[in-house]
Amino acid sequence: MAEIYISLGSNINRQHHIEQGLNALSDTFGVLTLSSLFESEAVGFAGKAFYNMVVGVETQYSLDEVAAILRKIEFANGRSQDAKKFSPRTLDLDLLLYDNVIANAPAQIPREEINKNAFVLWPLAEIAGQLVHPIIGQCYRELWQQYDKSLQQLKVVPLVWAEKNKGI
């Protein structure tokens, strides 16, 4: 079983698409480990604020299969096939970690933005703080402690899905 971490983000009908993403991930992978849900300003373009979080799961799927599953979930939730990198998103699912694998295809693993964006690093540090970044060699908790928190402002917001699905 591989331990994987996935970043979820949305700035279009945010609550709905985060819930839909969590439902699809739960249906596909089973038990989810959830970070807090954060609101953050758009990074790289002028747009509405995002909701972001990180989910941890265990899976028997290969890295290629996980990447394909995440794309399928994004497309099922209205993501355009030709979406630009810095643009509004109904649902953005990024595979951050797949065990200690280092890869450039089918996805960049570990994801380069982990230590660059607070909306990725903080939730990852919440649920996988003890894990060590396979390239940097520091645990995510330490990376978050060292992060310049003045770069991006985050606000914790209620995660309604967790309340509706307690005990599952």
C-alpha atoms as a PDB file:
ATOM      1  CA  MET A   1       0.000   0.000   0.000  1.00  0.00           C
ATOM      2  CA  ALA A   2       1.299   3.420  -0.941  1.00  0.00           C
ATOM      3  CA  GLU A   3       0.742   6.445   1.277  1.00  0.00           C
ATOM      4  CA  ILE A   4      -0.295   9.405  -0.869  1.00  0.00           C
ATOM      5  CA  TYR A   5      -1.223  13.026  -0.242  1.00  0.00           C
ATOM      6  CA  ILE A   6      -3.460  15.064  -2.514  1.00  0.00           C
ATOM      7  CA  SER A   7      -4.067  18.805  -2.518  1.00  0.00           C
ATOM      8  CA  LEU A   8      -7.636  19.956  -3.233  1.00  0.00           C
ATOM      9  CA  GLY A   9      -8.459  23.475  -4.335  1.00  0.00           C
ATOM     10  CA  SER A  10     -11.420  25.383  -5.724  1.00  0.00           C
ATOM     11  CA  ASN A  11     -12.393  28.994  -6.300  1.00  0.00           C
ATOM     12  CA  ILE A  12     -15.601  28.390  -8.257  1.00  0.00           C
ATOM     13  CA  ASN A  13     -18.583  27.334  -6.119  1.00  0.00           C
ATOM     14  CA  ARG A  14     -15.904  26.357  -3.594  1.00  0.00           C
ATOM     15  CA  GLN A  15     -17.873  24.506  -0.932  1.00  0.00           C
ATOM     16  CA  HIS A  16     -19.727  22.401  -3.506  1.00  0.00           C
ATOM     17  CA  HIS A  17     -16.617  21.402  -5.448  1.00  0.00           C
ATOM     18  CA  ILE A  18     -14.535  20.631  -2.345  1.00  0.00           C
ATOM     19  CA  GLU A  19     -17.381  18.376  -1.132  1.00  0.00           C
ATOM     20  CA  GLN A  20     -17.641  16.706  -4.551  1.00  0.00           C
ATOM     21  CA  GLY A  21     -13.889  16.157  -4.595  1.00  0.00           C
ATOM     22  CA  LEU A  22     -13.959  14.609  -1.129  1.00  0.00           C
ATOM     23  CA  ASN A  23     -16.895  12.374  -2.097  1.00  0.00           C
ATOM     24  CA  ALA A  24     -15.056  11.139  -5.195  1.00  0.00           C
ATOM     25  CA  LEU A  25     -11.807  10.561  -3.282  1.00  0.00           C
ATOM     26  CA  SER A  26     -13.678   8.715  -0.532  1.00  0.00           C
ATOM     27  CA  ASP A  27     -15.518   6.566  -3.093  1.00  0.00           C
ATOM     28  CA  THR A  28     -12.221   5.741  -4.829  1.00  0.00           C
ATOM     29  CA  PHE A  29      -9.757   5.342  -1.963  1.00  0.00           C
ATOM     30  CA  GLY A  30     -11.870   4.721   1.138  1.00  0.00           C
ATOM     31  CA  VAL A  31     -10.812   6.299   4.437  1.00  0.00           C
ATOM     32  CA  LEU A  32      -9.471   9.856   4.090  1.00  0.00           C
ATOM     33  CA  THR A  33      -7.214  11.734   6.480  1.00  0.00           C
ATOM     34  CA  LEU A  34      -8.280  15.376   6.240  1.00  0.00           C
ATOM     35  CA  SER A  35      -6.451  18.596   6.976  1.00  0.00           C
ATOM     36  CA  SER A  36      -8.293  21.737   7.939  1.00  0.00           C
ATOM     37  CA  LEU A  37      -9.951  23.675   5.130  1.00  0.00           C
ATOM     38  CA  PHE A  38      -8.244  26.984   4.380  1.00  0.00           C
ATOM     39  CA  GLU A  39      -9.266  30.078   2.478  1.00  0.00           C
ATOM     40  CA  SER A  40      -6.454  31.773   0.569  1.00  0.00           C
ATOM     41  CA  GLU A  41      -6.066  34.447  -2.048  1.00  0.00           C
ATOM     42  CA  ALA A  42      -5.417  33.327  -5.616  1.00  0.00           C
ATOM     43  CA  VAL A  43      -1.697  32.952  -6.358  1.00  0.00           C
ATOM     44  CA  GLY A  44      -0.300  33.805  -9.790  1.00  0.00           C
ATOM     45  CA  PHE A  45      -3.429  35.572 -11.079  1.00  0.00           C
ATOM     46  CA  ALA A  46      -6.153  37.984  -9.981  1.00  0.00           C
ATOM     47  CA  GLY A  47      -9.168  35.905  -9.041  1.00  0.00           C
ATOM     48  CA  LYS A  48     -11.579  34.900  -6.321  1.00  0.00           C
ATOM     49  CA  ALA A  49     -10.186  33.379  -3.126  1.00  0.00           C
ATOM     50  CA  PHE A  50      -9.641  29.616  -3.031  1.00  0.00           C
ATOM     51  CA  TYR A  51     -10.566  26.916  -0.591  1.00  0.00           C
ATOM     52  CA  ASN A  52      -7.636  24.523  -0.160  1.00  0.00           C
ATOM     53  CA  MET A  53      -6.902  21.420   1.879  1.00  0.00           C
ATOM     54  CA  VAL A  54      -4.819  18.242   1.797  1.00  0.00           C
ATOM     55  CA  VAL A  55      -6.069  14.655   1.988  1.00  0.00           C
ATOM     56  CA  GLY A  56      -4.030  11.595   2.863  1.00  0.00           C
ATOM     57  CA  VAL A  57      -4.971   8.072   1.742  1.00  0.00           C
ATOM     58  CA  GLU A  58      -3.475   4.639   1.339  1.00  0.00           C
ATOM     59  CA  THR A  59      -3.814   3.001  -2.044  1.00  0.00           C
ATOM     60  CA  GLN A  60      -2.847  -0.006  -4.093  1.00  0.00           C
ATOM     61  CA  TYR A  61      -3.111   2.048  -7.290  1.00  0.00           C
ATOM     62  CA  SER A  62       0.124   2.803  -9.149  1.00  0.00           C
ATOM     63  CA  LEU A  63       1.377   6.363  -9.560  1.00  0.00           C
ATOM     64  CA  ASP A  64       0.131   6.377 -13.177  1.00  0.00           C
ATOM     65  CA  GLU A  65      -3.292   5.122 -12.097  1.00  0.00           C
ATOM     66  CA  VAL A  66      -3.595   7.728  -9.326  1.00  0.00           C
ATOM     67  CA  ALA A  67      -2.684  10.542 -11.725  1.00  0.00           C
ATOM     68  CA  ALA A  68      -5.336   9.342 -14.192  1.00  0.00           C
ATOM     69  CA  ILE A  69      -7.962   8.996 -11.441  1.00  0.00           C
ATOM     70  CA  LEU A  70      -7.349  12.556 -10.218  1.00  0.00           C
ATOM     71  CA  ARG A  71      -7.658  13.986 -13.744  1.00  0.00           C
ATOM     72  CA  LYS A  72     -10.903  12.043 -14.281  1.00  0.00           C
ATOM     73  CA  ILE A  73     -12.335  13.462 -11.029  1.00  0.00           C
ATOM     74  CA  GLU A  74     -11.319  17.005 -12.065  1.00  0.00           C
ATOM     75  CA  PHE A  75     -12.967  16.639 -15.488  1.00  0.00           C
ATOM     76  CA  ALA A  76     -16.123  15.153 -13.917  1.00  0.00           C
ATOM     77  CA  ASN A  77     -16.325  18.332 -11.840  1.00  0.00           C
ATOM     78  CA  GLY A  78     -16.156  20.782 -14.713  1.00  0.00           C
ATOM     79  CA  ARG A  79     -12.436  21.297 -15.195  1.00  0.00           C
ATOM     80  CA  SER A  80     -11.630  22.300 -18.745  1.00  0.00           C
ATOM     81  CA  GLN A  81      -9.254  20.043 -20.691  1.00  0.00           C
ATOM     82  CA  ASP A  82      -7.280  23.135 -21.743  1.00  0.00           C
ATOM     83  CA  ALA A  83      -7.292  24.963 -18.380  1.00  0.00           C
ATOM     84  CA  LYS A  84      -4.356  27.345 -17.970  1.00  0.00           C
ATOM     85  CA  LYS A  85      -2.019  26.935 -14.992  1.00  0.00           C
ATOM     86  CA  PHE A  86      -2.959  30.205 -13.279  1.00  0.00           C
ATOM     87  CA  SER A  87      -6.724  30.427 -13.733  1.00  0.00           C
ATOM     88  CA  PRO A  88      -9.974  29.854 -11.821  1.00  0.00           C
ATOM     89  CA  ARG A  89     -10.750  26.223 -10.917  1.00  0.00           C
ATOM     90  CA  THR A  90     -13.898  24.275 -10.182  1.00  0.00           C
ATOM     91  CA  LEU A  91     -11.721  21.534  -8.703  1.00  0.00           C
ATOM     92  CA  ASP A  92      -7.948  21.208  -8.722  1.00  0.00           C
ATOM     93  CA  LEU A  93      -6.464  17.921  -7.482  1.00  0.00           C
ATOM     94  CA  ASP A  94      -2.672  17.765  -7.255  1.00  0.00           C
ATOM     95  CA  LEU A  95      -0.812  14.665  -6.186  1.00  0.00           C
ATOM     96  CA  LEU A  96       1.776  15.978  -3.729  1.00  0.00           C
ATOM     97  CA  LEU A  97       3.419  12.782  -2.486  1.00  0.00           C
ATOM     98  CA  TYR A  98       3.385   9.123  -3.437  1.00  0.00           C
ATOM     99  CA  ASP A  99       5.356   7.371  -0.682  1.00  0.00           C
ATOM    100  CA  ASN A 100       8.969   8.564  -1.049  1.00  0.00           C
ATOM    101  CA  VAL A 101       8.879   8.446  -4.846  1.00  0.00           C
ATOM    102  CA  ILE A 102      10.729  11.138  -6.783  1.00  0.00           C
ATOM    103  CA  ALA A 103       9.352  11.452 -10.325  1.00  0.00           C
ATOM    104  CA  ASN A 104       8.672  13.921 -13.123  1.00  0.00           C
ATOM    105  CA  ALA A 105       6.024  11.874 -14.926  1.00  0.00           C
ATOM    106  CA  PRO A 106       3.111  11.327 -14.966  1.00  0.00           C
ATOM    107  CA  ALA A 107       3.246  14.029 -12.300  1.00  0.00           C
ATOM    108  CA  GLN A 108       6.004  15.891 -10.503  1.00  0.00           C
ATOM    109  CA  ILE A 109       6.483  14.036  -7.207  1.00  0.00           C
ATOM    110  CA  PRO A 110       7.088  15.489  -4.688  1.00  0.00           C
ATOM    111  CA  ARG A 111       5.215  18.480  -6.008  1.00  0.00           C
ATOM    112  CA  GLU A 112       7.523  21.498  -6.251  1.00  0.00           C
ATOM    113  CA  GLU A 113       4.964  23.890  -4.752  1.00  0.00           C
ATOM    114  CA  ILE A 114       4.857  22.039  -1.414  1.00  0.00           C
ATOM    115  CA  ASN A 115       7.431  24.302   0.210  1.00  0.00           C
ATOM    116  CA  LYS A 116       6.481  27.403  -1.833  1.00  0.00           C
ATOM    117  CA  ASN A 117       2.766  27.796  -1.063  1.00  0.00           C
ATOM    118  CA  ALA A 118       1.315  28.112   2.423  1.00  0.00           C
ATOM    119  CA  PHE A 119      -1.999  26.668   1.210  1.00  0.00           C
ATOM    120  CA  VAL A 120      -0.163  23.404   0.436  1.00  0.00           C
ATOM    121  CA  LEU A 121       2.490  23.294   3.155  1.00  0.00           C
ATOM    122  CA  TRP A 122       0.328  24.175   6.185  1.00  0.00           C
ATOM    123  CA  PRO A 123      -2.359  21.524   5.569  1.00  0.00           C
ATOM    124  CA  LEU A 124       0.297  18.947   4.644  1.00  0.00           C
ATOM    125  CA  ALA A 125       2.183  19.737   7.862  1.00  0.00           C
ATOM    126  CA  GLU A 126      -1.081  19.260   9.786  1.00  0.00           C
ATOM    127  CA  ILE A 127      -1.638  15.689   8.649  1.00  0.00           C
ATOM    128  CA  ALA A 128       1.860  14.523   7.670  1.00  0.00           C
ATOM    129  CA  GLY A 129       4.126  16.758   9.734  1.00  0.00           C
ATOM    130  CA  GLN A 130       6.449  13.922  10.713  1.00  0.00           C
ATOM    131  CA  LEU A 131       7.112  12.799   7.130  1.00  0.00           C
ATOM    132  CA  VAL A 132      10.389  13.882   5.569  1.00  0.00           C
ATOM    133  CA  HIS A 133      10.508  15.622   2.200  1.00  0.00           C
ATOM    134  CA  PRO A 134      12.435  13.145   0.011  1.00  0.00           C
ATOM    135  CA  ILE A 135      14.550  15.858  -1.660  1.00  0.00           C
ATOM    136  CA  ILE A 136      14.908  18.597   0.989  1.00  0.00           C
ATOM    137  CA  GLY A 137      15.418  16.105   3.828  1.00  0.00           C
ATOM    138  CA  GLN A 138      13.346  17.994   6.412  1.00  0.00           C
ATOM    139  CA  CYS A 139       9.980  17.045   7.857  1.00  0.00           C
ATOM    140  CA  TYR A 140       6.942  19.036   6.759  1.00  0.00           C
ATOM    141  CA  ARG A 141       6.350  20.348  10.288  1.00  0.00           C
ATOM    142  CA  GLU A 142       9.849  21.912  10.275  1.00  0.00           C
ATOM    143  CA  LEU A 143       9.343  23.298   6.777  1.00  0.00           C
ATOM    144  CA  TRP A 144       6.108  24.942   7.935  1.00  0.00           C
ATOM    145  CA  GLN A 145       7.770  26.361  11.051  1.00  0.00           C
ATOM    146  CA  GLN A 146      10.483  27.914   8.856  1.00  0.00           C
ATOM    147  CA  TYR A 147       8.065  29.225   6.226  1.00  0.00           C
ATOM    148  CA  ASP A 148       7.729  33.014   5.944  1.00  0.00           C
ATOM    149  CA  LYS A 149       4.066  33.282   6.907  1.00  0.00           C
ATOM    150  CA  SER A 150       3.881  36.898   5.739  1.00  0.00           C
ATOM    151  CA  LEU A 151       4.045  35.683   2.111  1.00  0.00           C
ATOM    152  CA  GLN A 152       0.512  34.234   2.002  1.00  0.00           C
ATOM    153  CA  GLN A 153      -2.359  34.744   4.405  1.00  0.00           C
ATOM    154  CA  LEU A 154      -4.582  31.769   5.196  1.00  0.00           C
ATOM    155  CA  LYS A 155      -7.769  31.533   7.198  1.00  0.00           C
ATOM    156  CA  VAL A 156      -9.255  28.290   8.541  1.00  0.00           C
ATOM    157  CA  VAL A 157     -12.887  27.875   7.476  1.00  0.00           C
ATOM    158  CA  PRO A 158     -15.428  25.236   8.566  1.00  0.00           C
ATOM    159  CA  LEU A 159     -15.327  21.968   6.655  1.00  0.00           C
ATOM    160  CA  VAL A 160     -18.993  21.008   6.362  1.00  0.00           C
ATOM    161  CA  TRP A 161     -18.260  17.658   4.659  1.00  0.00           C
ATOM    162  CA  ALA A 162     -16.413  16.321   7.696  1.00  0.00           C
ATOM    163  CA  GLU A 163     -19.415  17.104   9.881  1.00  0.00           C
ATOM    164  CA  LYS A 164     -21.828  15.335   7.525  1.00  0.00           C
ATOM    165  CA  ASN A 165     -19.616  12.255   7.200  1.00  0.00           C
ATOM    166  CA  LYS A 166     -18.402  11.656  10.757  1.00  0.00           C
ATOM    167  CA  GLY A 167     -18.165   8.017  11.635  1.00  0.00           C
ATOM    168  CA  ILE A 168     -17.785   6.811   8.064  1.00  0.00           C
END
